[in-house]
């Protein structure tokens, strides 16, 4: 039984120089709060591109803080898993568009 679908999101800003997952190497990337399923999925996604936490500068922020950090230049990208649309998804879109 499926109650809802979950989607993986990666958001960055054009001025951060990230056009692919591989471009996140050496960048400050929010991988969400430690211990959440979303963090595990983010590790799996990075692994598919031969990246680990050693290759990025991982940040462990909740989504509201991550949106502010991306907007303020404290992180370069934000990764998370969530149903859509959510408030953090809509807020992120305001800065990307």
N, C-alpha and C. Protein backbone atom coordinates (compact mmCIF):
# COMPACT_ATOMS: atom_id res chain seq x y z
N UNK A 1 0.84 -1.17 0.00
CA UNK A 1 0.00 0.00 0.00
C UNK A 1 0.89 1.24 0.00
N UNK A 2 0.58 2.18 -0.86
CA UNK A 2 1.30 3.45 -0.94
C UNK A 2 0.36 4.56 -0.46
N UNK A 3 0.82 5.31 0.52
CA UNK A 3 0.01 6.41 1.03
C UNK A 3 0.27 7.69 0.26
N UNK A 4 1.52 7.91 -0.13
CA UNK A 4 1.88 9.08 -0.92
C UNK A 4 3.22 8.84 -1.58
N UNK A 5 3.48 9.57 -2.64
CA UNK A 5 4.76 9.46 -3.34
C UNK A 5 5.74 10.47 -2.77
N UNK A 6 7.00 10.06 -2.70
CA UNK A 6 8.05 10.95 -2.22
C UNK A 6 8.96 11.28 -3.41
N UNK A 7 9.46 12.48 -3.45
CA UNK A 7 10.31 12.93 -4.55
C UNK A 7 11.64 13.45 -4.00
N UNK A 8 12.70 13.21 -4.76
CA UNK A 8 14.01 13.73 -4.37
C UNK A 8 14.22 15.07 -5.04
N UNK A 9 14.63 16.06 -4.26
CA UNK A 9 14.82 17.41 -4.75
C UNK A 9 16.28 17.82 -4.58
N UNK A 10 16.79 18.51 -5.57
CA UNK A 10 18.10 19.15 -5.46
C UNK A 10 17.91 20.57 -5.99
N UNK A 11 18.19 21.54 -5.14
CA UNK A 11 17.99 22.94 -5.51
C UNK A 11 19.30 23.69 -5.31
N UNK A 12 19.64 24.51 -6.28
CA UNK A 12 20.80 25.39 -6.16
C UNK A 12 20.47 26.68 -6.90
N UNK A 13 21.37 27.61 -6.88
CA UNK A 13 21.20 28.86 -7.62
C UNK A 13 22.23 28.89 -8.74
N UNK A 14 21.89 29.51 -9.85
CA UNK A 14 22.77 29.55 -11.01
C UNK A 14 24.15 30.09 -10.66
N UNK A 15 24.20 31.09 -9.80
CA UNK A 15 25.49 31.71 -9.47
C UNK A 15 26.40 30.81 -8.63
N UNK A 16 25.92 29.64 -8.20
CA UNK A 16 26.73 28.72 -7.40
C UNK A 16 27.61 27.81 -8.26
N UNK A 17 27.40 27.80 -9.58
CA UNK A 17 28.24 27.01 -10.48
C UNK A 17 28.00 25.52 -10.42
N UNK A 18 26.81 25.12 -10.07
CA UNK A 18 26.47 23.70 -10.00
C UNK A 18 25.46 23.39 -11.10
N UNK A 19 25.90 22.62 -12.10
CA UNK A 19 25.01 22.23 -13.20
C UNK A 19 24.72 20.73 -13.18
N UNK A 20 25.43 19.99 -12.33
CA UNK A 20 25.23 18.55 -12.23
C UNK A 20 25.58 18.11 -10.81
N UNK A 21 25.21 16.91 -10.47
CA UNK A 21 25.54 16.39 -9.15
C UNK A 21 27.05 16.33 -8.95
N UNK A 22 27.77 15.98 -9.99
CA UNK A 22 29.24 15.93 -9.90
C UNK A 22 29.83 17.29 -9.53
N UNK A 23 29.16 18.37 -9.93
CA UNK A 23 29.63 19.73 -9.64
C UNK A 23 29.54 20.08 -8.15
N UNK A 24 28.88 19.25 -7.36
CA UNK A 24 28.75 19.52 -5.92
C UNK A 24 30.04 19.22 -5.17
N UNK A 25 31.01 18.60 -5.83
CA UNK A 25 32.27 18.27 -5.17
C UNK A 25 32.92 19.55 -4.63
N UNK A 26 33.25 19.53 -3.34
CA UNK A 26 33.87 20.69 -2.69
C UNK A 26 32.89 21.78 -2.28
N UNK A 27 31.62 21.61 -2.58
CA UNK A 27 30.60 22.62 -2.27
C UNK A 27 29.92 22.33 -0.93
N UNK A 28 29.31 23.35 -0.36
CA UNK A 28 28.53 23.22 0.88
C UNK A 28 27.12 22.78 0.50
N UNK A 29 26.81 21.53 0.84
CA UNK A 29 25.55 20.92 0.42
C UNK A 29 24.75 20.51 1.65
N UNK A 30 23.53 20.99 1.75
CA UNK A 30 22.66 20.54 2.83
C UNK A 30 22.12 19.16 2.49
N UNK A 31 22.34 18.22 3.40
CA UNK A 31 21.86 16.85 3.19
C UNK A 31 20.74 16.51 4.17
N UNK A 32 20.21 17.46 4.82
CA UNK A 32 19.09 17.45 5.77
C UNK A 32 19.53 17.00 7.15
N UNK A 33 18.60 17.00 8.06
CA UNK A 33 18.88 16.70 9.45
C UNK A 33 19.39 15.27 9.62
N UNK A 34 20.43 15.10 10.41
CA UNK A 34 21.03 13.79 10.66
C UNK A 34 19.99 12.82 11.21
N UNK A 35 20.01 11.60 10.65
CA UNK A 35 19.14 10.55 11.15
C UNK A 35 17.80 10.42 10.44
N UNK A 36 17.46 11.35 9.60
CA UNK A 36 16.21 11.26 8.86
C UNK A 36 16.41 10.41 7.61
N UNK A 37 15.34 9.80 7.13
CA UNK A 37 15.42 8.95 5.93
C UNK A 37 15.93 9.75 4.74
N UNK A 38 15.60 11.02 4.69
CA UNK A 38 16.05 11.88 3.61
C UNK A 38 17.57 11.93 3.53
N UNK A 39 18.23 11.93 4.69
CA UNK A 39 19.70 11.95 4.70
C UNK A 39 20.24 10.67 4.07
N UNK A 40 19.65 9.54 4.40
CA UNK A 40 20.08 8.26 3.82
C UNK A 40 19.91 8.26 2.31
N UNK A 41 18.78 8.75 1.83
CA UNK A 41 18.54 8.82 0.39
C UNK A 41 19.58 9.73 -0.26
N UNK A 42 19.89 10.85 0.37
CA UNK A 42 20.90 11.76 -0.18
C UNK A 42 22.26 11.08 -0.29
N UNK A 43 22.63 10.28 0.72
CA UNK A 43 23.88 9.53 0.65
C UNK A 43 23.86 8.55 -0.52
N UNK A 44 22.71 7.92 -0.74
CA UNK A 44 22.59 6.97 -1.84
C UNK A 44 22.71 7.67 -3.19
N UNK A 45 22.10 8.84 -3.32
CA UNK A 45 22.18 9.60 -4.57
C UNK A 45 23.62 10.02 -4.82
N UNK A 46 24.28 10.56 -3.82
CA UNK A 46 25.69 10.95 -3.98
C UNK A 46 26.54 9.74 -4.39
N UNK A 47 26.28 8.61 -3.77
CA UNK A 47 27.04 7.40 -4.07
C UNK A 47 26.90 6.98 -5.53
N UNK A 48 25.74 7.18 -6.10
CA UNK A 48 25.53 6.85 -7.52
C UNK A 48 26.43 7.67 -8.44
N UNK A 49 26.90 8.80 -7.94
CA UNK A 49 27.80 9.67 -8.70
C UNK A 49 29.22 9.63 -8.14
N UNK A 50 29.52 8.55 -7.40
CA UNK A 50 30.84 8.33 -6.80
C UNK A 50 31.27 9.47 -5.87
N UNK A 51 30.32 10.03 -5.14
CA UNK A 51 30.59 11.07 -4.16
C UNK A 51 30.19 10.57 -2.77
N UNK A 52 30.91 11.03 -1.76
CA UNK A 52 30.56 10.77 -0.37
C UNK A 52 30.60 12.09 0.38
N UNK A 53 30.32 12.04 1.68
CA UNK A 53 30.42 13.24 2.50
C UNK A 53 31.83 13.79 2.51
N UNK A 54 32.83 12.97 2.23
CA UNK A 54 34.22 13.45 2.18
C UNK A 54 34.47 14.34 0.97
N UNK A 55 33.60 14.22 -0.06
CA UNK A 55 33.77 14.99 -1.29
C UNK A 55 33.05 16.33 -1.26
N UNK A 56 32.08 16.47 -0.37
CA UNK A 56 31.33 17.72 -0.24
C UNK A 56 31.56 18.26 1.17
N UNK A 57 31.02 19.42 1.43
CA UNK A 57 31.02 19.96 2.79
C UNK A 57 29.57 19.83 3.27
N UNK A 58 29.25 18.69 3.92
CA UNK A 58 27.85 18.44 4.27
C UNK A 58 27.35 19.37 5.36
N UNK A 59 26.14 19.81 5.21
CA UNK A 59 25.44 20.62 6.20
C UNK A 59 24.21 19.84 6.62
N UNK A 60 23.80 19.95 7.86
CA UNK A 60 22.70 19.15 8.39
C UNK A 60 21.60 20.06 8.92
N UNK A 61 20.96 20.76 8.00
CA UNK A 61 19.94 21.75 8.34
C UNK A 61 18.55 21.22 8.05
N UNK A 62 17.58 21.67 8.82
CA UNK A 62 16.19 21.44 8.48
C UNK A 62 15.83 22.26 7.25
N UNK A 63 14.70 21.98 6.65
CA UNK A 63 14.38 22.61 5.37
C UNK A 63 14.17 24.12 5.46
N UNK A 64 13.54 24.60 6.50
CA UNK A 64 13.34 26.06 6.60
C UNK A 64 14.68 26.77 6.72
N UNK A 65 15.58 26.23 7.54
CA UNK A 65 16.91 26.83 7.68
C UNK A 65 17.71 26.70 6.39
N UNK A 66 17.54 25.59 5.69
CA UNK A 66 18.28 25.37 4.44
C UNK A 66 17.87 26.37 3.37
N UNK A 67 16.59 26.67 3.28
CA UNK A 67 16.12 27.65 2.30
C UNK A 67 16.75 29.01 2.59
N UNK A 68 16.77 29.40 3.85
CA UNK A 68 17.40 30.68 4.23
C UNK A 68 18.90 30.65 3.95
N UNK A 69 19.56 29.53 4.26
CA UNK A 69 21.01 29.41 4.05
C UNK A 69 21.36 29.48 2.57
N UNK A 70 20.54 28.89 1.72
CA UNK A 70 20.78 28.95 0.27
C UNK A 70 20.62 30.39 -0.22
N UNK A 71 19.55 31.01 0.21
CA UNK A 71 19.28 32.40 -0.18
C UNK A 71 20.39 33.34 0.30
N UNK A 72 20.91 33.10 1.50
CA UNK A 72 21.91 33.98 2.10
C UNK A 72 23.35 33.63 1.73
N UNK A 73 23.54 32.57 0.94
CA UNK A 73 24.87 32.20 0.48
C UNK A 73 25.68 31.35 1.45
N UNK A 74 25.02 30.77 2.45
CA UNK A 74 25.74 29.94 3.43
C UNK A 74 25.86 28.49 2.97
N UNK A 75 25.03 28.07 2.02
CA UNK A 75 25.17 26.75 1.39
C UNK A 75 25.08 26.95 -0.11
N UNK A 76 25.57 25.96 -0.85
CA UNK A 76 25.56 26.05 -2.31
C UNK A 76 24.44 25.23 -2.94
N UNK A 77 23.96 24.22 -2.23
CA UNK A 77 22.88 23.37 -2.75
C UNK A 77 22.12 22.76 -1.59
N UNK A 78 20.90 22.37 -1.86
CA UNK A 78 20.03 21.75 -0.86
C UNK A 78 19.45 20.48 -1.46
N UNK A 79 19.59 19.36 -0.75
CA UNK A 79 19.04 18.08 -1.19
C UNK A 79 18.04 17.59 -0.14
N UNK A 80 16.88 17.11 -0.57
CA UNK A 80 15.94 16.53 0.38
C UNK A 80 14.90 15.68 -0.34
N UNK A 81 14.24 14.84 0.44
CA UNK A 81 13.17 13.97 -0.05
C UNK A 81 11.90 14.37 0.68
N UNK A 82 10.84 14.58 -0.11
CA UNK A 82 9.60 15.05 0.49
C UNK A 82 8.48 14.91 -0.52
N UNK A 83 7.26 14.89 -0.02
CA UNK A 83 6.12 14.95 -0.92
C UNK A 83 6.06 16.37 -1.47
N UNK A 84 5.43 16.54 -2.62
CA UNK A 84 5.29 17.90 -3.14
C UNK A 84 3.82 18.19 -3.40
N UNK A 85 3.44 19.40 -3.42
CA UNK A 85 4.25 20.57 -3.04
C UNK A 85 4.21 20.77 -1.53
N UNK A 86 5.30 21.23 -0.98
CA UNK A 86 5.38 21.60 0.44
C UNK A 86 5.83 23.04 0.54
N UNK A 87 5.75 23.59 1.71
CA UNK A 87 6.14 24.99 1.90
C UNK A 87 7.60 25.21 1.54
N UNK A 88 8.49 24.28 1.96
CA UNK A 88 9.92 24.48 1.66
C UNK A 88 10.17 24.37 0.16
N UNK A 89 9.41 23.53 -0.54
CA UNK A 89 9.57 23.40 -1.99
C UNK A 89 9.15 24.70 -2.67
N UNK A 90 8.00 25.23 -2.29
CA UNK A 90 7.52 26.48 -2.90
C UNK A 90 8.46 27.63 -2.59
N UNK A 91 8.94 27.71 -1.35
CA UNK A 91 9.85 28.77 -0.97
C UNK A 91 11.15 28.68 -1.77
N UNK A 92 11.67 27.46 -1.93
CA UNK A 92 12.89 27.27 -2.73
C UNK A 92 12.67 27.76 -4.15
N UNK A 93 11.52 27.46 -4.71
CA UNK A 93 11.24 27.85 -6.10
C UNK A 93 11.24 29.37 -6.27
N UNK A 94 10.88 30.11 -5.26
CA UNK A 94 10.87 31.56 -5.35
C UNK A 94 12.27 32.10 -5.61
N UNK A 95 13.31 31.40 -5.09
CA UNK A 95 14.66 31.88 -5.25
C UNK A 95 15.32 31.36 -6.52
N UNK A 96 14.77 30.29 -7.07
CA UNK A 96 15.36 29.68 -8.27
C UNK A 96 14.82 30.33 -9.53
N UNK A 97 13.58 30.68 -9.51
CA UNK A 97 12.93 31.21 -10.71
C UNK A 97 13.34 32.65 -10.97
